[in-house]
């Protein structure tokens, strides 16, 4: 079941709510959820691409990896202060005066 509202096409999803159906330049119709599953990205990322582009090459472009697992600027904050004897640190004593 589809409907058109304010110039946008919507389709009834499995959950019973209306989901916007985007039309690409080559005639394919896709939802943001379908695109996110296909590309392995978030629904927000897929919806942003579908709102910005209609060219299938730009919409289906691979997603950049934004993980910071091996980031050299990542700082280990667990060793900043001793959790058991923090009050013995001379700088803490100065700060608490």
N, C-alpha and C. Protein backbone atom coordinates (compact mmCIF):
# COMPACT_ATOMS: atom_id res chain seq x y z
N UNK A 1 0.85 -1.17 0.00
CA UNK A 1 0.00 0.00 0.00
C UNK A 1 0.90 1.24 0.00
N UNK A 2 0.68 2.14 -0.91
CA UNK A 2 1.45 3.38 -1.00
C UNK A 2 0.51 4.58 -0.97
N UNK A 3 1.09 5.71 -0.58
CA UNK A 3 0.34 6.97 -0.62
C UNK A 3 1.31 8.08 -0.98
N UNK A 4 0.76 9.16 -1.53
CA UNK A 4 1.55 10.34 -1.87
C UNK A 4 1.04 11.50 -1.03
N UNK A 5 1.97 12.13 -0.31
CA UNK A 5 1.61 13.24 0.57
C UNK A 5 2.68 14.32 0.44
N UNK A 6 2.27 15.52 0.12
CA UNK A 6 3.18 16.67 -0.06
C UNK A 6 4.27 16.38 -1.09
N UNK A 7 3.94 15.64 -2.13
CA UNK A 7 4.90 15.35 -3.18
C UNK A 7 5.86 14.22 -2.87
N UNK A 8 5.74 13.58 -1.70
CA UNK A 8 6.61 12.47 -1.32
C UNK A 8 5.79 11.18 -1.32
N UNK A 9 6.43 10.11 -1.75
CA UNK A 9 5.76 8.81 -1.79
C UNK A 9 6.09 8.03 -0.52
N UNK A 10 5.09 7.41 0.08
CA UNK A 10 5.25 6.65 1.30
C UNK A 10 4.74 5.24 1.09
N UNK A 11 5.32 4.29 1.81
CA UNK A 11 4.91 2.89 1.74
C UNK A 11 4.67 2.39 3.17
N UNK A 12 3.74 1.49 3.32
CA UNK A 12 3.44 0.93 4.64
C UNK A 12 4.49 -0.13 4.97
N UNK A 13 5.18 0.03 6.10
CA UNK A 13 6.24 -0.91 6.46
C UNK A 13 5.66 -2.11 7.20
N UNK A 14 6.54 -3.04 7.56
CA UNK A 14 6.10 -4.25 8.26
C UNK A 14 5.52 -3.92 9.64
N UNK A 15 6.03 -2.87 10.26
CA UNK A 15 5.55 -2.48 11.59
C UNK A 15 4.23 -1.73 11.55
N UNK A 16 3.74 -1.38 10.37
CA UNK A 16 2.46 -0.71 10.25
C UNK A 16 2.55 0.80 10.12
N UNK A 17 3.75 1.36 10.17
CA UNK A 17 3.87 2.81 10.04
C UNK A 17 4.29 3.17 8.61
N UNK A 18 4.13 4.44 8.27
CA UNK A 18 4.45 4.91 6.92
C UNK A 18 5.92 5.27 6.83
N UNK A 19 6.59 4.78 5.79
CA UNK A 19 8.00 5.04 5.55
C UNK A 19 8.16 5.68 4.18
N UNK A 20 9.01 6.71 4.12
CA UNK A 20 9.20 7.40 2.86
C UNK A 20 9.92 6.52 1.86
N UNK A 21 9.46 6.56 0.62
CA UNK A 21 10.02 5.79 -0.48
C UNK A 21 10.74 6.78 -1.40
N UNK A 22 12.04 6.61 -1.54
CA UNK A 22 12.86 7.50 -2.36
C UNK A 22 13.03 6.90 -3.74
N UNK A 23 12.97 7.74 -4.77
CA UNK A 23 13.15 7.29 -6.15
C UNK A 23 14.51 7.78 -6.65
N UNK A 24 15.34 6.84 -7.11
CA UNK A 24 16.64 7.19 -7.64
C UNK A 24 16.52 7.53 -9.12
N UNK A 25 17.60 8.07 -9.69
CA UNK A 25 17.58 8.51 -11.09
C UNK A 25 17.34 7.37 -12.08
N UNK A 26 17.74 6.17 -11.70
CA UNK A 26 17.56 5.03 -12.60
C UNK A 26 16.18 4.38 -12.46
N UNK A 27 15.31 4.95 -11.63
CA UNK A 27 13.94 4.46 -11.49
C UNK A 27 13.71 3.54 -10.31
N UNK A 28 14.79 3.12 -9.64
CA UNK A 28 14.63 2.24 -8.47
C UNK A 28 14.02 3.00 -7.31
N UNK A 29 13.21 2.32 -6.53
CA UNK A 29 12.61 2.92 -5.34
C UNK A 29 13.16 2.19 -4.13
N UNK A 30 13.59 2.95 -3.12
CA UNK A 30 14.26 2.38 -1.96
C UNK A 30 13.90 3.19 -0.72
N UNK A 31 13.87 2.53 0.42
CA UNK A 31 13.66 3.22 1.69
C UNK A 31 15.01 3.39 2.37
N UNK A 32 15.05 4.26 3.37
CA UNK A 32 16.30 4.50 4.10
C UNK A 32 16.72 3.24 4.85
N UNK A 33 15.78 2.49 5.38
CA UNK A 33 16.12 1.27 6.11
C UNK A 33 16.71 0.22 5.17
N UNK A 34 16.15 0.07 3.97
CA UNK A 34 16.70 -0.88 3.01
C UNK A 34 18.12 -0.49 2.60
N UNK A 35 18.35 0.80 2.39
CA UNK A 35 19.68 1.27 2.01
C UNK A 35 20.68 1.05 3.15
N UNK A 36 20.26 1.29 4.38
CA UNK A 36 21.18 1.11 5.51
C UNK A 36 21.57 -0.35 5.67
N UNK A 37 20.64 -1.27 5.46
CA UNK A 37 20.97 -2.69 5.52
C UNK A 37 21.90 -3.09 4.38
N UNK A 38 21.68 -2.53 3.21
CA UNK A 38 22.47 -2.87 2.03
C UNK A 38 23.91 -2.37 2.16
N UNK A 39 24.07 -1.17 2.75
CA UNK A 39 25.40 -0.56 2.83
C UNK A 39 26.11 -0.82 4.14
N UNK A 40 25.39 -1.23 5.16
CA UNK A 40 26.01 -1.46 6.46
C UNK A 40 26.28 -0.17 7.20
N UNK A 41 25.38 0.80 7.05
CA UNK A 41 25.53 2.07 7.76
C UNK A 41 24.27 2.32 8.59
N UNK A 42 24.23 3.43 9.28
CA UNK A 42 23.07 3.75 10.10
C UNK A 42 21.92 4.26 9.21
N UNK A 43 20.73 4.22 9.76
CA UNK A 43 19.56 4.72 9.03
C UNK A 43 19.68 6.23 8.84
N UNK A 44 20.26 6.91 9.80
CA UNK A 44 20.45 8.37 9.69
C UNK A 44 21.37 8.70 8.52
N UNK A 45 22.45 7.95 8.38
CA UNK A 45 23.38 8.16 7.25
C UNK A 45 22.69 7.88 5.92
N UNK A 46 21.93 6.80 5.86
CA UNK A 46 21.22 6.46 4.62
C UNK A 46 20.18 7.51 4.27
N UNK A 47 19.44 7.99 5.27
CA UNK A 47 18.41 9.01 5.02
C UNK A 47 19.05 10.32 4.55
N UNK A 48 20.20 10.67 5.12
CA UNK A 48 20.90 11.89 4.70
C UNK A 48 21.35 11.79 3.26
N UNK A 49 21.85 10.63 2.87
CA UNK A 49 22.27 10.45 1.47
C UNK A 49 21.08 10.52 0.53
N UNK A 50 19.98 9.88 0.91
CA UNK A 50 18.81 9.88 0.04
C UNK A 50 18.18 11.27 -0.07
N UNK A 51 18.27 12.06 0.99
CA UNK A 51 17.75 13.43 0.93
C UNK A 51 18.64 14.33 0.07
N UNK A 52 19.95 14.05 0.05
CA UNK A 52 20.88 14.92 -0.66
C UNK A 52 21.06 14.54 -2.13
N UNK A 53 21.11 13.25 -2.42
CA UNK A 53 21.40 12.79 -3.78
C UNK A 53 20.28 11.92 -4.33
N UNK A 54 20.17 11.90 -5.66
CA UNK A 54 19.30 10.94 -6.33
C UNK A 54 20.11 10.07 -7.29
N UNK A 55 21.37 10.40 -7.49
CA UNK A 55 22.25 9.63 -8.35
C UNK A 55 22.62 8.32 -7.63
N UNK A 56 22.35 7.16 -8.22
CA UNK A 56 22.65 5.89 -7.55
C UNK A 56 24.12 5.70 -7.20
N UNK A 57 25.03 6.24 -8.02
CA UNK A 57 26.45 6.09 -7.73
C UNK A 57 26.84 6.83 -6.45
N UNK A 58 26.27 8.00 -6.23
CA UNK A 58 26.58 8.77 -5.02
C UNK A 58 25.87 8.20 -3.80
N UNK A 59 24.67 7.70 -4.00
CA UNK A 59 23.93 7.13 -2.87
C UNK A 59 24.57 5.84 -2.40
N UNK A 60 25.03 5.01 -3.32
CA UNK A 60 25.61 3.71 -2.98
C UNK A 60 27.12 3.74 -2.74
N UNK A 61 27.71 4.93 -2.71
CA UNK A 61 29.14 5.06 -2.48
C UNK A 61 29.50 4.45 -1.12
N UNK A 62 30.61 3.73 -1.02
CA UNK A 62 30.97 3.09 0.25
C UNK A 62 31.11 4.10 1.39
N UNK A 63 30.74 3.66 2.57
CA UNK A 63 30.77 4.51 3.76
C UNK A 63 32.18 4.50 4.33
N UNK A 64 32.68 5.67 4.70
CA UNK A 64 34.01 5.75 5.32
C UNK A 64 33.97 5.17 6.72
N UNK A 65 35.04 4.52 7.11
CA UNK A 65 35.14 3.96 8.46
C UNK A 65 35.53 5.08 9.41
N UNK A 66 34.64 5.38 10.34
CA UNK A 66 34.90 6.47 11.27
C UNK A 66 35.30 5.97 12.66
N UNK A 67 35.62 4.69 12.78
CA UNK A 67 36.00 4.16 14.09
C UNK A 67 37.36 4.71 14.48
N UNK A 68 37.57 4.88 15.73
CA UNK A 68 38.83 5.43 16.23
C UNK A 68 39.56 4.39 17.07
N UNK A 69 39.52 3.15 16.65
CA UNK A 69 40.15 2.08 17.42
C UNK A 69 41.67 2.26 17.47
N UNK A 70 42.28 2.64 16.37
CA UNK A 70 43.73 2.80 16.30
C UNK A 70 44.13 4.26 16.20
N UNK A 71 43.39 5.12 16.85
CA UNK A 71 43.65 6.55 16.78
C UNK A 71 44.87 6.91 17.64
N UNK A 72 45.91 7.50 17.05
CA UNK A 72 47.08 7.85 17.86
C UNK A 72 46.80 8.99 18.83
N UNK A 73 45.75 9.75 18.61
CA UNK A 73 45.43 10.85 19.52
C UNK A 73 44.56 10.41 20.69
N UNK A 74 44.16 9.15 20.71
CA UNK A 74 43.34 8.66 21.80
C UNK A 74 44.18 8.58 23.07
N UNK A 75 43.68 9.15 24.15
CA UNK A 75 44.42 9.24 25.40
C UNK A 75 43.85 8.25 26.40
N UNK A 76 44.72 7.52 27.05
CA UNK A 76 44.29 6.58 28.08
C UNK A 76 44.10 7.36 29.39
N UNK A 77 42.87 7.55 29.80
CA UNK A 77 42.58 8.34 31.00
C UNK A 77 42.55 7.50 32.27
N UNK A 78 42.73 6.20 32.15
CA UNK A 78 42.66 5.35 33.34
C UNK A 78 43.89 5.50 34.23
N UNK A 79 44.99 5.99 33.68
CA UNK A 79 46.21 6.11 34.48
C UNK A 79 46.47 7.55 34.93
N UNK A 80 45.53 8.41 34.79
CA UNK A 80 45.75 9.81 35.16
C UNK A 80 45.92 9.99 36.66
N UNK A 81 45.12 9.31 37.42
CA UNK A 81 45.16 9.48 38.87
C UNK A 81 44.88 8.15 39.54
N UNK A 82 45.54 7.92 40.64
CA UNK A 82 45.36 6.67 41.38
C UNK A 82 44.01 6.70 42.09
N UNK A 83 43.19 5.71 41.83
CA UNK A 83 41.83 5.70 42.37
C UNK A 83 41.80 5.50 43.88
N UNK A 84 42.81 4.83 44.45
CA UNK A 84 42.79 4.53 45.89
C UNK A 84 43.51 5.58 46.72
N UNK A 85 44.58 6.14 46.20
CA UNK A 85 45.39 7.08 46.98
C UNK A 85 45.44 8.46 46.33
N UNK A 86 44.36 8.88 45.72
CA UNK A 86 44.35 10.15 45.01
C UNK A 86 44.59 11.33 45.93
N UNK A 87 44.18 11.20 47.19
CA UNK A 87 44.29 12.32 48.13
C UNK A 87 45.72 12.54 48.59
N UNK A 88 46.64 11.60 48.34
CA UNK A 88 48.04 11.76 48.72
C UNK A 88 48.85 12.53 47.69
N UNK A 89 48.30 12.73 46.53
CA UNK A 89 48.98 13.45 45.47
C UNK A 89 49.19 14.90 45.90
N UNK A 90 50.40 15.44 45.81
CA UNK A 90 50.66 16.81 46.27
C UNK A 90 49.84 17.87 45.52
N UNK A 91 49.58 17.66 44.25
CA UNK A 91 48.79 18.64 43.52
C UNK A 91 47.33 18.66 44.00
N UNK A 92 46.82 17.53 44.39
CA UNK A 92 45.46 17.48 44.95
C UNK A 92 45.40 18.22 46.26
N UNK A 93 46.47 18.06 47.07
CA UNK A 93 46.51 18.78 48.35
C UNK A 93 46.50 20.30 48.13
N UNK A 94 47.26 20.76 47.13
CA UNK A 94 47.29 22.18 46.81
C UNK A 94 45.92 22.64 46.31
N UNK A 95 45.29 21.81 45.50
CA UNK A 95 44.00 22.17 44.93
C UNK A 95 42.92 22.26 46.01
N UNK A 96 42.99 21.42 47.02
CA UNK A 96 41.97 21.38 48.07
C UNK A 96 42.19 22.42 49.18
N UNK A 97 43.31 23.14 49.15
CA UNK A 97 43.54 24.16 50.19
C UNK A 97 42.57 25.29 50.08
